[in-house]
N, C-alpha and C. Protein backbone atom coordinates (compact mmCIF):
# COMPACT_ATOMS: atom_id res chain seq x y z
N MET A 1 9.37 89.89 163.07
CA MET A 1 9.70 88.82 164.00
C MET A 1 11.18 88.47 163.87
N LEU A 2 11.86 88.33 164.99
CA LEU A 2 13.27 87.98 164.96
C LEU A 2 13.46 86.56 164.47
N PRO A 3 14.52 86.31 163.72
CA PRO A 3 14.73 84.98 163.12
C PRO A 3 15.34 83.99 164.11
N PHE A 4 14.70 83.81 165.26
CA PHE A 4 15.21 82.87 166.24
C PHE A 4 14.30 81.64 166.26
N GLY A 5 14.89 80.46 166.14
CA GLY A 5 14.12 79.24 166.22
C GLY A 5 14.11 78.71 167.65
N ARG A 6 13.47 77.60 167.82
CA ARG A 6 13.45 76.97 169.14
C ARG A 6 14.83 76.45 169.50
N PRO A 7 15.20 76.53 170.78
CA PRO A 7 16.52 76.02 171.16
C PRO A 7 16.61 74.52 170.95
N ALA A 8 17.78 74.05 170.57
CA ALA A 8 18.00 72.62 170.37
C ALA A 8 18.01 71.92 171.72
N VAL A 9 17.29 70.81 171.82
CA VAL A 9 17.14 70.08 173.07
C VAL A 9 17.43 68.61 172.84
N PHE A 10 18.19 68.03 173.77
CA PHE A 10 18.38 66.58 173.79
C PHE A 10 17.85 66.08 175.12
N SER A 11 16.87 65.19 175.08
CA SER A 11 16.22 64.71 176.30
C SER A 11 16.62 63.28 176.62
N ILE A 12 16.93 63.05 177.88
CA ILE A 12 17.20 61.69 178.35
C ILE A 12 15.87 60.98 178.56
N ALA A 13 15.73 59.80 178.01
CA ALA A 13 14.53 58.99 178.14
C ALA A 13 14.92 57.59 178.61
N PRO A 14 13.95 56.77 179.03
CA PRO A 14 14.29 55.43 179.50
C PRO A 14 15.09 54.60 178.50
N ASP A 15 14.89 54.83 177.20
CA ASP A 15 15.61 54.04 176.20
C ASP A 15 16.90 54.70 175.71
N THR A 16 17.30 55.82 176.34
CA THR A 16 18.55 56.48 175.96
C THR A 16 19.73 55.61 176.39
N PRO A 17 20.75 55.43 175.53
CA PRO A 17 21.91 54.62 175.92
C PRO A 17 22.58 55.15 177.18
N ALA A 18 23.21 54.25 177.91
CA ALA A 18 23.85 54.62 179.18
C ALA A 18 24.97 55.63 178.95
N ARG A 19 25.65 55.56 177.84
CA ARG A 19 26.72 56.51 177.51
C ARG A 19 26.31 57.25 176.24
N VAL A 20 26.08 58.54 176.39
CA VAL A 20 25.60 59.36 175.27
C VAL A 20 26.79 60.09 174.65
N THR A 21 26.95 59.95 173.34
CA THR A 21 28.02 60.62 172.61
C THR A 21 27.43 61.45 171.47
N TYR A 22 28.30 62.10 170.72
CA TYR A 22 27.83 62.91 169.59
C TYR A 22 27.08 62.06 168.57
N GLU A 23 27.40 60.78 168.51
CA GLU A 23 26.72 59.89 167.57
C GLU A 23 25.23 59.77 167.87
N HIS A 24 24.84 60.07 169.11
CA HIS A 24 23.44 59.95 169.50
C HIS A 24 22.68 61.26 169.32
N GLY A 25 23.36 62.31 168.85
CA GLY A 25 22.65 63.53 168.50
C GLY A 25 22.90 64.73 169.38
N ILE A 26 23.71 64.60 170.43
CA ILE A 26 24.02 65.78 171.23
C ILE A 26 25.05 66.63 170.51
N SER A 27 25.10 67.90 170.87
CA SER A 27 26.09 68.81 170.30
C SER A 27 26.26 69.98 171.27
N PRO A 28 27.28 70.81 171.07
CA PRO A 28 27.45 71.99 171.93
C PRO A 28 26.30 72.99 171.85
N LYS A 29 25.38 72.80 170.90
CA LYS A 29 24.23 73.69 170.78
C LYS A 29 23.01 73.17 171.53
N HIS A 30 23.08 71.95 172.05
CA HIS A 30 21.93 71.34 172.67
C HIS A 30 21.87 71.59 174.17
N THR A 31 20.65 71.88 174.66
CA THR A 31 20.39 71.85 176.09
C THR A 31 20.06 70.41 176.47
N LEU A 32 20.78 69.87 177.43
CA LEU A 32 20.51 68.52 177.91
C LEU A 32 19.37 68.59 178.92
N CYS A 33 18.28 67.90 178.65
CA CYS A 33 17.11 67.92 179.53
C CYS A 33 16.88 66.55 180.15
N VAL A 34 16.79 66.54 181.46
CA VAL A 34 16.36 65.35 182.20
C VAL A 34 15.05 65.75 182.86
N HIS A 35 13.96 65.55 182.17
CA HIS A 35 12.66 66.05 182.60
C HIS A 35 11.67 64.89 182.72
N ASP A 36 10.89 64.89 183.81
CA ASP A 36 9.79 63.94 183.98
C ASP A 36 10.27 62.49 183.79
N LEU A 37 11.40 62.17 184.41
CA LEU A 37 12.03 60.86 184.21
C LEU A 37 12.19 60.12 185.53
N ASP A 38 11.71 58.89 185.58
CA ASP A 38 12.03 57.96 186.65
C ASP A 38 13.11 57.03 186.12
N GLY A 39 14.34 57.26 186.58
CA GLY A 39 15.46 56.49 186.05
C GLY A 39 15.51 55.06 186.53
N GLN A 40 14.71 54.70 187.53
CA GLN A 40 14.66 53.33 188.04
C GLN A 40 16.04 52.80 188.40
N GLY A 41 16.85 53.69 188.99
CA GLY A 41 18.17 53.30 189.46
C GLY A 41 19.25 53.26 188.40
N ARG A 42 18.96 53.71 187.18
CA ARG A 42 19.94 53.65 186.10
C ARG A 42 20.93 54.82 186.18
N GLU A 43 21.98 54.70 185.36
CA GLU A 43 23.04 55.72 185.30
C GLU A 43 23.27 56.11 183.85
N TRP A 44 23.42 57.42 183.62
CA TRP A 44 23.74 57.93 182.29
C TRP A 44 24.99 58.81 182.37
N GLU A 45 25.83 58.69 181.36
CA GLU A 45 27.02 59.53 181.23
C GLU A 45 26.95 60.29 179.91
N ILE A 46 27.15 61.60 179.97
CA ILE A 46 27.10 62.44 178.77
C ILE A 46 28.53 62.74 178.34
N SER A 47 29.00 62.00 177.35
CA SER A 47 30.40 62.10 176.92
C SER A 47 30.50 63.05 175.73
N GLY A 48 30.36 64.32 176.01
CA GLY A 48 30.44 65.34 174.98
C GLY A 48 30.06 66.68 175.56
N THR A 49 30.21 67.71 174.76
CA THR A 49 29.89 69.08 175.19
C THR A 49 28.42 69.38 174.90
N VAL A 50 27.76 70.00 175.87
CA VAL A 50 26.38 70.47 175.67
C VAL A 50 26.32 71.95 176.06
N ALA A 51 25.24 72.61 175.66
CA ALA A 51 25.12 74.04 175.93
C ALA A 51 24.77 74.31 177.39
N LYS A 52 23.85 73.53 177.95
CA LYS A 52 23.29 73.78 179.27
C LYS A 52 22.66 72.48 179.74
N VAL A 53 22.41 72.38 181.06
CA VAL A 53 21.78 71.17 181.61
C VAL A 53 20.59 71.59 182.47
N SER A 54 19.46 70.93 182.23
CA SER A 54 18.25 71.19 182.99
C SER A 54 17.72 69.87 183.53
N ILE A 55 17.55 69.80 184.86
CA ILE A 55 17.04 68.59 185.52
C ILE A 55 15.78 68.97 186.26
N TYR A 56 14.65 68.36 185.87
CA TYR A 56 13.37 68.78 186.42
C TYR A 56 12.43 67.59 186.60
N ASN A 57 11.79 67.53 187.77
CA ASN A 57 10.74 66.54 188.01
C ASN A 57 11.22 65.12 187.68
N SER A 58 12.39 64.77 188.18
CA SER A 58 12.97 63.47 187.88
C SER A 58 13.50 62.82 189.16
N LYS A 59 13.71 61.48 189.09
CA LYS A 59 14.11 60.76 190.30
C LYS A 59 14.79 59.45 189.94
N ASN A 60 15.46 58.89 190.94
CA ASN A 60 16.03 57.54 190.87
C ASN A 60 17.04 57.37 189.73
N LEU A 61 18.07 58.22 189.71
CA LEU A 61 19.07 58.08 188.66
C LEU A 61 20.39 58.72 189.07
N THR A 62 21.44 58.33 188.34
CA THR A 62 22.75 58.96 188.42
C THR A 62 23.06 59.59 187.08
N LEU A 63 23.52 60.84 187.09
CA LEU A 63 23.88 61.55 185.87
C LEU A 63 25.33 62.01 185.98
N ARG A 64 26.15 61.57 185.06
CA ARG A 64 27.57 61.96 185.02
C ARG A 64 27.79 62.94 183.88
N LEU A 65 28.47 64.06 184.21
CA LEU A 65 28.73 65.11 183.23
C LEU A 65 30.23 65.39 183.19
N PRO A 66 31.02 64.53 182.53
CA PRO A 66 32.46 64.77 182.48
C PRO A 66 32.88 65.82 181.47
N GLY A 67 32.00 66.16 180.54
CA GLY A 67 32.36 67.08 179.46
C GLY A 67 32.09 68.54 179.80
N ARG A 68 32.33 69.38 178.82
CA ARG A 68 32.17 70.83 178.99
C ARG A 68 30.71 71.22 178.84
N ILE A 69 30.31 72.25 179.59
CA ILE A 69 28.99 72.84 179.47
C ILE A 69 29.20 74.29 179.02
N VAL A 70 28.77 74.61 177.80
CA VAL A 70 29.14 75.88 177.17
C VAL A 70 28.74 77.08 178.02
N THR A 71 27.49 77.10 178.49
CA THR A 71 27.03 78.23 179.29
C THR A 71 27.46 78.12 180.75
N SER A 72 28.06 77.00 181.11
CA SER A 72 28.51 76.76 182.48
C SER A 72 27.35 76.84 183.47
N MET A 73 26.20 76.26 183.07
CA MET A 73 24.97 76.39 183.86
C MET A 73 24.25 75.05 183.97
N ILE A 74 23.94 74.66 185.21
CA ILE A 74 23.07 73.51 185.47
C ILE A 74 21.93 73.99 186.36
N GLU A 75 20.70 73.65 185.99
CA GLU A 75 19.53 73.99 186.79
C GLU A 75 18.87 72.71 187.27
N MET A 76 18.51 72.68 188.55
CA MET A 76 17.89 71.49 189.12
C MET A 76 16.68 71.91 189.95
N HIS A 77 15.55 71.26 189.69
CA HIS A 77 14.29 71.63 190.37
C HIS A 77 13.39 70.41 190.48
N ASN A 78 12.88 70.19 191.70
CA ASN A 78 11.91 69.12 191.92
C ASN A 78 12.47 67.75 191.54
N VAL A 79 13.51 67.32 192.25
CA VAL A 79 14.12 66.02 191.98
C VAL A 79 14.30 65.26 193.29
N ALA A 80 14.43 63.95 193.17
CA ALA A 80 14.58 63.09 194.35
C ALA A 80 15.45 61.89 194.00
N ASP A 81 16.20 61.42 194.99
CA ASP A 81 17.02 60.21 194.84
C ASP A 81 17.89 60.31 193.58
N LEU A 82 18.68 61.37 193.55
CA LEU A 82 19.49 61.64 192.36
C LEU A 82 20.93 61.93 192.78
N ARG A 83 21.86 61.37 192.00
CA ARG A 83 23.29 61.64 192.17
C ARG A 83 23.79 62.32 190.91
N LEU A 84 24.38 63.50 191.09
CA LEU A 84 24.93 64.27 189.97
C LEU A 84 26.44 64.36 190.14
N VAL A 85 27.19 63.91 189.11
CA VAL A 85 28.65 63.94 189.15
C VAL A 85 29.13 64.89 188.06
N VAL A 86 29.80 65.96 188.48
CA VAL A 86 30.26 67.00 187.56
C VAL A 86 31.77 66.90 187.41
N GLY A 87 32.26 66.75 186.17
CA GLY A 87 33.69 66.63 185.94
C GLY A 87 34.18 65.22 186.21
N THR A 88 35.50 65.05 186.14
CA THR A 88 36.11 63.75 186.36
C THR A 88 37.17 63.84 187.45
N SER A 89 37.51 62.71 188.01
CA SER A 89 38.55 62.64 189.03
C SER A 89 39.44 61.43 188.76
N PRO A 90 40.76 61.66 188.51
CA PRO A 90 41.37 62.99 188.39
C PRO A 90 41.10 63.60 187.02
N ALA A 91 41.12 64.92 186.96
CA ALA A 91 40.90 65.61 185.70
C ALA A 91 42.19 65.59 184.87
N PRO A 92 42.10 65.41 183.54
CA PRO A 92 43.30 65.40 182.71
C PRO A 92 44.03 66.74 182.70
N ASP A 93 43.30 67.81 182.81
CA ASP A 93 43.85 69.16 182.89
C ASP A 93 43.10 69.89 184.00
N PRO A 94 43.68 70.98 184.53
CA PRO A 94 42.92 71.75 185.52
C PRO A 94 41.59 72.20 184.92
N PRO A 95 40.46 71.71 185.45
CA PRO A 95 39.18 72.03 184.82
C PRO A 95 38.73 73.44 185.12
N ALA A 96 37.98 74.01 184.18
CA ALA A 96 37.33 75.30 184.45
C ALA A 96 36.18 75.04 185.41
N PRO A 97 35.98 75.89 186.40
CA PRO A 97 34.89 75.66 187.34
C PRO A 97 33.54 75.80 186.66
N LEU A 98 32.57 75.03 187.14
CA LEU A 98 31.20 75.20 186.67
C LEU A 98 30.71 76.55 187.15
N GLY A 99 30.20 77.36 186.24
CA GLY A 99 29.80 78.72 186.61
C GLY A 99 28.72 78.74 187.66
N THR A 100 27.57 78.12 187.39
CA THR A 100 26.45 78.17 188.32
C THR A 100 25.71 76.84 188.34
N LEU A 101 25.49 76.34 189.55
CA LEU A 101 24.58 75.23 189.78
C LEU A 101 23.40 75.79 190.57
N GLN A 102 22.23 75.91 189.92
CA GLN A 102 21.05 76.49 190.53
C GLN A 102 20.19 75.38 191.12
N LEU A 103 19.94 75.44 192.44
CA LEU A 103 19.18 74.41 193.14
C LEU A 103 17.88 75.01 193.67
N ASP A 104 16.76 74.49 193.20
CA ASP A 104 15.45 74.97 193.62
C ASP A 104 14.61 73.81 194.14
N PRO A 105 13.86 74.04 195.23
CA PRO A 105 13.00 72.98 195.80
C PRO A 105 11.99 72.48 194.75
N ASP A 106 11.45 71.26 194.98
CA ASP A 106 11.80 70.36 196.07
C ASP A 106 13.02 69.52 195.69
N LEU A 107 13.90 69.29 196.67
CA LEU A 107 15.06 68.44 196.47
C LEU A 107 15.13 67.46 197.63
N ARG A 108 15.07 66.16 197.33
CA ARG A 108 15.05 65.12 198.35
C ARG A 108 16.09 64.05 198.03
N ASN A 109 16.99 63.83 198.97
CA ASN A 109 18.04 62.82 198.80
C ASN A 109 18.81 63.05 197.50
N VAL A 110 19.45 64.20 197.41
CA VAL A 110 20.23 64.60 196.24
C VAL A 110 21.70 64.72 196.63
N LYS A 111 22.56 64.03 195.90
CA LYS A 111 24.00 64.08 196.13
C LYS A 111 24.67 64.71 194.91
N ILE A 112 25.45 65.77 195.16
CA ILE A 112 26.15 66.46 194.10
C ILE A 112 27.64 66.30 194.34
N GLU A 113 28.35 65.73 193.38
CA GLU A 113 29.77 65.44 193.51
C GLU A 113 30.54 66.13 192.38
N TYR A 114 31.53 66.92 192.76
CA TYR A 114 32.44 67.53 191.79
C TYR A 114 33.70 66.68 191.71
N GLY A 115 34.17 66.41 190.49
CA GLY A 115 35.34 65.55 190.33
C GLY A 115 36.56 66.05 191.07
N THR A 116 36.76 67.36 191.08
CA THR A 116 37.87 67.99 191.79
C THR A 116 37.37 69.27 192.44
N PRO A 117 38.02 69.75 193.49
CA PRO A 117 37.60 71.03 194.09
C PRO A 117 37.63 72.18 193.09
N SER A 118 38.56 72.15 192.13
CA SER A 118 38.64 73.25 191.16
C SER A 118 37.49 73.23 190.16
N SER A 119 36.68 72.16 190.16
CA SER A 119 35.50 72.12 189.30
C SER A 119 34.35 72.93 189.87
N VAL A 120 34.44 73.27 191.16
CA VAL A 120 33.34 73.96 191.83
C VAL A 120 33.35 75.44 191.46
N GLY A 121 32.20 75.92 191.04
CA GLY A 121 32.03 77.35 190.81
C GLY A 121 31.12 77.92 191.87
N LYS A 122 29.93 78.35 191.50
CA LYS A 122 28.95 78.87 192.44
C LYS A 122 27.76 77.91 192.51
N VAL A 123 27.32 77.65 193.72
CA VAL A 123 26.10 76.87 193.95
C VAL A 123 25.07 77.84 194.52
N VAL A 124 23.98 78.04 193.81
CA VAL A 124 22.94 78.97 194.25
C VAL A 124 21.75 78.17 194.74
N LEU A 125 21.42 78.35 196.01
CA LEU A 125 20.35 77.61 196.65
C LEU A 125 19.22 78.56 197.02
N ALA A 126 17.99 78.16 196.69
CA ALA A 126 16.83 79.01 196.98
C ALA A 126 15.86 78.28 197.90
N PRO A 127 16.06 78.34 199.24
CA PRO A 127 15.10 77.70 200.15
C PRO A 127 13.73 78.34 200.01
N LEU A 128 12.70 77.51 200.05
CA LEU A 128 11.33 78.00 199.90
C LEU A 128 10.53 77.55 201.12
N LEU A 129 10.23 78.48 202.00
CA LEU A 129 9.50 78.15 203.22
C LEU A 129 8.01 78.01 202.90
N THR A 130 7.51 76.79 203.05
CA THR A 130 6.11 76.51 202.75
C THR A 130 5.51 75.68 203.88
N GLU A 131 4.21 75.48 203.82
CA GLU A 131 3.50 74.64 204.77
C GLU A 131 2.65 73.63 204.01
N ASP A 132 2.62 72.38 204.54
CA ASP A 132 1.73 71.40 203.94
C ASP A 132 0.33 71.54 204.52
N ASP A 133 -0.57 70.63 204.15
CA ASP A 133 -1.96 70.73 204.58
C ASP A 133 -2.12 70.64 206.09
N SER A 134 -1.17 69.97 206.74
CA SER A 134 -1.24 69.81 208.19
C SER A 134 -0.60 70.98 208.94
N GLY A 135 -0.03 71.94 208.18
CA GLY A 135 0.61 73.09 208.80
C GLY A 135 2.08 72.89 209.12
N ARG A 136 2.65 71.75 208.70
CA ARG A 136 4.07 71.50 208.95
C ARG A 136 4.90 72.30 207.97
N ARG A 137 5.88 73.03 208.50
CA ARG A 137 6.73 73.87 207.66
C ARG A 137 7.88 73.08 207.04
N SER A 138 8.33 73.56 205.88
CA SER A 138 9.42 72.91 205.18
C SER A 138 10.12 73.91 204.29
N PHE A 139 11.45 73.72 204.11
CA PHE A 139 12.20 74.49 203.13
C PHE A 139 12.15 73.82 201.75
N GLY A 140 11.55 72.64 201.67
CA GLY A 140 11.54 71.91 200.41
C GLY A 140 12.86 71.24 200.12
N LEU A 141 13.66 71.01 201.16
CA LEU A 141 15.00 70.44 201.00
C LEU A 141 15.24 69.40 202.09
N SER A 142 15.80 68.26 201.73
CA SER A 142 16.22 67.28 202.73
C SER A 142 17.26 66.35 202.12
N GLN A 143 18.20 65.94 202.93
CA GLN A 143 19.28 65.05 202.51
C GLN A 143 19.93 65.54 201.22
N LEU A 144 20.39 66.79 201.28
CA LEU A 144 21.07 67.44 200.16
C LEU A 144 22.52 67.64 200.53
N SER A 145 23.45 67.07 199.75
CA SER A 145 24.87 67.15 200.09
C SER A 145 25.70 67.58 198.89
N LEU A 146 26.85 68.21 199.20
CA LEU A 146 27.82 68.65 198.20
C LEU A 146 29.17 68.03 198.53
N GLN A 147 29.89 67.59 197.51
CA GLN A 147 31.21 67.00 197.73
C GLN A 147 32.18 67.53 196.68
N ALA A 148 33.34 67.98 197.13
CA ALA A 148 34.37 68.50 196.24
C ALA A 148 35.54 67.53 196.20
N GLY A 149 35.71 66.83 195.10
CA GLY A 149 36.79 65.86 194.99
C GLY A 149 36.66 64.76 196.02
N ASP A 150 37.81 64.42 196.64
CA ASP A 150 37.83 63.35 197.63
C ASP A 150 37.53 63.85 199.04
N ASN A 151 37.21 65.12 199.18
CA ASN A 151 36.90 65.65 200.50
C ASN A 151 35.56 65.10 200.99
N ALA A 152 35.37 65.14 202.30
CA ALA A 152 34.14 64.62 202.87
C ALA A 152 32.94 65.42 202.38
N PRO A 153 31.81 64.78 202.15
CA PRO A 153 30.62 65.52 201.73
C PRO A 153 30.18 66.51 202.80
N PHE A 154 29.64 67.63 202.35
CA PHE A 154 29.05 68.62 203.24
C PHE A 154 27.54 68.50 203.13
N VAL A 155 26.87 68.25 204.25
CA VAL A 155 25.43 68.11 204.27
C VAL A 155 24.81 69.50 204.38
N LEU A 156 24.23 69.96 203.31
CA LEU A 156 23.64 71.29 203.26
C LEU A 156 22.23 71.31 203.87
N ALA A 157 21.50 70.23 203.65
CA ALA A 157 20.18 70.07 204.27
C ALA A 157 20.11 68.64 204.81
N ASP A 158 19.81 68.49 206.09
CA ASP A 158 19.83 67.16 206.70
C ASP A 158 18.50 66.44 206.50
N ALA A 159 18.41 65.24 207.07
CA ALA A 159 17.23 64.41 206.87
C ALA A 159 15.97 65.04 207.45
N GLU A 160 16.13 65.95 208.41
CA GLU A 160 14.98 66.63 209.00
C GLU A 160 14.62 67.92 208.28
N GLY A 161 15.34 68.21 207.19
CA GLY A 161 15.03 69.40 206.41
C GLY A 161 15.63 70.67 206.96
N ARG A 162 16.61 70.54 207.88
CA ARG A 162 17.26 71.72 208.44
C ARG A 162 18.43 72.14 207.57
N LEU A 163 18.65 73.44 207.43
CA LEU A 163 19.75 73.98 206.64
C LEU A 163 20.98 74.16 207.50
N CYS A 164 22.13 73.77 206.96
CA CYS A 164 23.39 73.85 207.69
C CYS A 164 24.31 74.81 206.96
N ALA A 165 24.61 75.94 207.57
CA ALA A 165 25.51 76.92 206.96
C ALA A 165 26.96 76.47 207.13
N PRO A 166 27.75 76.45 206.06
CA PRO A 166 29.15 76.06 206.21
C PRO A 166 29.94 77.09 207.00
N GLN A 167 30.98 76.60 207.68
CA GLN A 167 31.87 77.46 208.46
C GLN A 167 31.09 78.35 209.42
N SER A 168 30.11 77.76 210.07
CA SER A 168 29.31 78.52 211.01
C SER A 168 29.13 77.72 212.28
N GLU A 169 29.19 78.39 213.42
CA GLU A 169 28.99 77.72 214.68
C GLU A 169 27.52 77.68 215.09
N ARG A 170 26.67 78.34 214.32
CA ARG A 170 25.26 78.36 214.64
C ARG A 170 24.66 76.98 214.37
N PRO A 171 23.66 76.57 215.14
CA PRO A 171 23.02 75.27 214.91
C PRO A 171 22.28 75.26 213.58
N PRO A 172 21.96 74.09 213.07
CA PRO A 172 21.18 74.02 211.83
C PRO A 172 19.88 74.82 211.94
N ILE A 173 19.46 75.41 210.82
CA ILE A 173 18.27 76.25 210.80
C ILE A 173 17.06 75.39 210.47
N SER A 174 16.13 75.32 211.39
CA SER A 174 14.94 74.50 211.20
C SER A 174 13.84 75.31 210.52
N PRO A 175 13.09 74.69 209.59
CA PRO A 175 11.97 75.41 208.98
C PRO A 175 10.85 75.69 210.00
N MET A 176 10.88 74.97 211.12
CA MET A 176 9.89 75.21 212.16
C MET A 176 10.18 76.49 212.93
N ASP A 177 11.44 76.93 212.88
CA ASP A 177 11.85 78.15 213.58
C ASP A 177 12.91 78.86 212.75
N PRO A 178 12.54 79.37 211.56
CA PRO A 178 13.52 79.97 210.67
C PRO A 178 14.07 81.28 211.21
N SER A 179 15.32 81.55 210.86
CA SER A 179 15.95 82.79 211.27
C SER A 179 15.32 83.97 210.55
N ALA A 180 15.16 85.07 211.26
CA ALA A 180 14.55 86.26 210.65
C ALA A 180 15.42 86.83 209.53
N ASP A 181 16.74 86.60 209.61
CA ASP A 181 17.65 87.14 208.60
C ASP A 181 18.06 86.09 207.57
N LEU A 182 17.29 85.01 207.46
CA LEU A 182 17.61 83.97 206.48
C LEU A 182 17.52 84.55 205.07
N PRO A 183 18.63 84.50 204.29
CA PRO A 183 18.58 85.05 202.93
C PRO A 183 17.59 84.29 202.05
N ARG A 184 17.05 84.97 201.08
CA ARG A 184 16.16 84.32 200.12
C ARG A 184 16.92 83.33 199.26
N GLN A 185 18.20 83.59 199.08
CA GLN A 185 19.06 82.66 198.36
C GLN A 185 20.43 82.63 199.01
N TRP A 186 21.07 81.48 198.91
CA TRP A 186 22.46 81.33 199.35
C TRP A 186 23.35 81.09 198.14
N VAL A 187 24.56 81.62 198.20
CA VAL A 187 25.57 81.31 197.19
C VAL A 187 26.74 80.63 197.89
N LEU A 188 27.01 79.40 197.48
CA LEU A 188 28.09 78.63 198.08
C LEU A 188 29.22 78.46 197.09
N SER A 189 30.44 78.43 197.62
CA SER A 189 31.62 78.16 196.81
C SER A 189 32.58 77.33 197.64
N TYR A 190 33.67 76.89 197.01
CA TYR A 190 34.62 76.05 197.72
C TYR A 190 36.00 76.68 197.66
N ARG A 191 36.63 76.74 198.83
CA ARG A 191 37.99 77.25 198.93
C ARG A 191 38.86 76.19 199.60
N ASP A 192 40.14 76.50 199.76
CA ASP A 192 41.06 75.53 200.33
C ASP A 192 40.63 75.04 201.71
N ASP A 193 39.97 75.92 202.45
CA ASP A 193 39.56 75.55 203.80
C ASP A 193 38.13 75.04 203.87
N GLY A 194 37.51 74.77 202.72
CA GLY A 194 36.19 74.17 202.71
C GLY A 194 35.12 75.04 202.07
N TRP A 195 33.88 74.67 202.29
CA TRP A 195 32.75 75.38 201.70
C TRP A 195 32.49 76.69 202.43
N THR A 196 32.08 77.70 201.68
CA THR A 196 31.71 78.99 202.24
C THR A 196 30.37 79.40 201.66
N SER A 197 29.69 80.31 202.34
CA SER A 197 28.40 80.76 201.83
C SER A 197 28.23 82.25 202.07
N GLN A 198 27.45 82.87 201.20
CA GLN A 198 27.05 84.26 201.34
C GLN A 198 25.56 84.36 201.07
N GLY A 199 24.91 85.31 201.73
CA GLY A 199 23.49 85.52 201.46
C GLY A 199 23.31 86.29 200.17
N LEU A 200 22.22 86.01 199.50
CA LEU A 200 21.90 86.69 198.25
C LEU A 200 20.51 87.27 198.38
N GLN A 201 20.41 88.58 198.23
CA GLN A 201 19.12 89.24 198.32
C GLN A 201 18.71 89.70 196.92
N ARG A 202 17.42 89.57 196.63
CA ARG A 202 16.95 89.95 195.30
C ARG A 202 15.56 90.56 195.43
N GLY A 203 15.41 91.76 194.95
CA GLY A 203 14.07 92.36 194.89
C GLY A 203 13.29 91.78 193.73
N ASP A 204 12.03 92.12 193.66
CA ASP A 204 11.17 91.55 192.63
C ASP A 204 11.65 91.89 191.22
N LYS A 205 12.28 93.04 191.06
CA LYS A 205 12.71 93.45 189.71
C LYS A 205 14.23 93.70 189.67
N ASP A 206 14.93 93.13 190.65
CA ASP A 206 16.36 93.41 190.75
C ASP A 206 17.19 92.25 190.27
N TYR A 207 18.44 92.56 189.92
CA TYR A 207 19.43 91.53 189.73
C TYR A 207 19.94 91.14 191.10
N PRO A 208 20.50 89.90 191.23
CA PRO A 208 20.96 89.46 192.54
C PRO A 208 22.05 90.37 193.08
N GLN A 209 22.00 90.60 194.38
CA GLN A 209 23.02 91.37 195.07
C GLN A 209 23.42 90.61 196.34
N LEU A 210 24.72 90.47 196.55
CA LEU A 210 25.17 89.78 197.74
C LEU A 210 24.83 90.59 198.95
N ALA A 211 24.27 89.90 199.96
CA ALA A 211 23.90 90.59 201.18
C ALA A 211 25.12 90.83 202.06
């Protein structure tokens, strides 16, 4: 058996202080977990370096991440009424971009703010076309926005659950009438002229390939 132990985890709980520092037990070896949490409108700031960030099945909170993330990875799945702030504005030094922000349904009323445009790396979005018991289709996304620095927010999924491709003249894509060529995943990034996107295709046993 390989001598690997369980990964170090630091979990945000209702009694966690609003500002978390190394004194509270986080370290660059810890994965920061926000799991199964109703923040009841509270705000937490992680003032230190962590290995990775995982946000799952949580709602009603603001999470500020001004520090470094060693793996440059944030994963978000099944969250609602959440504001995520990555980096600071203004940044003391030109920040390294966040490598990957992985967004998986369901996501409802989620605001993602990068402190500066240079903080933006890749945003990977995986729309999931499903139907509820009444047969109504959904991508599992609504009121999802991205903001780079002081620039205006870009609404990626509107209140009706339609997907809006950046820099595209095509109308928003409705889950009721999805495009036949809709990629299984989108990769978004930010450039001087705004947000851009590329399709990402992945076979069952393949690594991601840009379409």
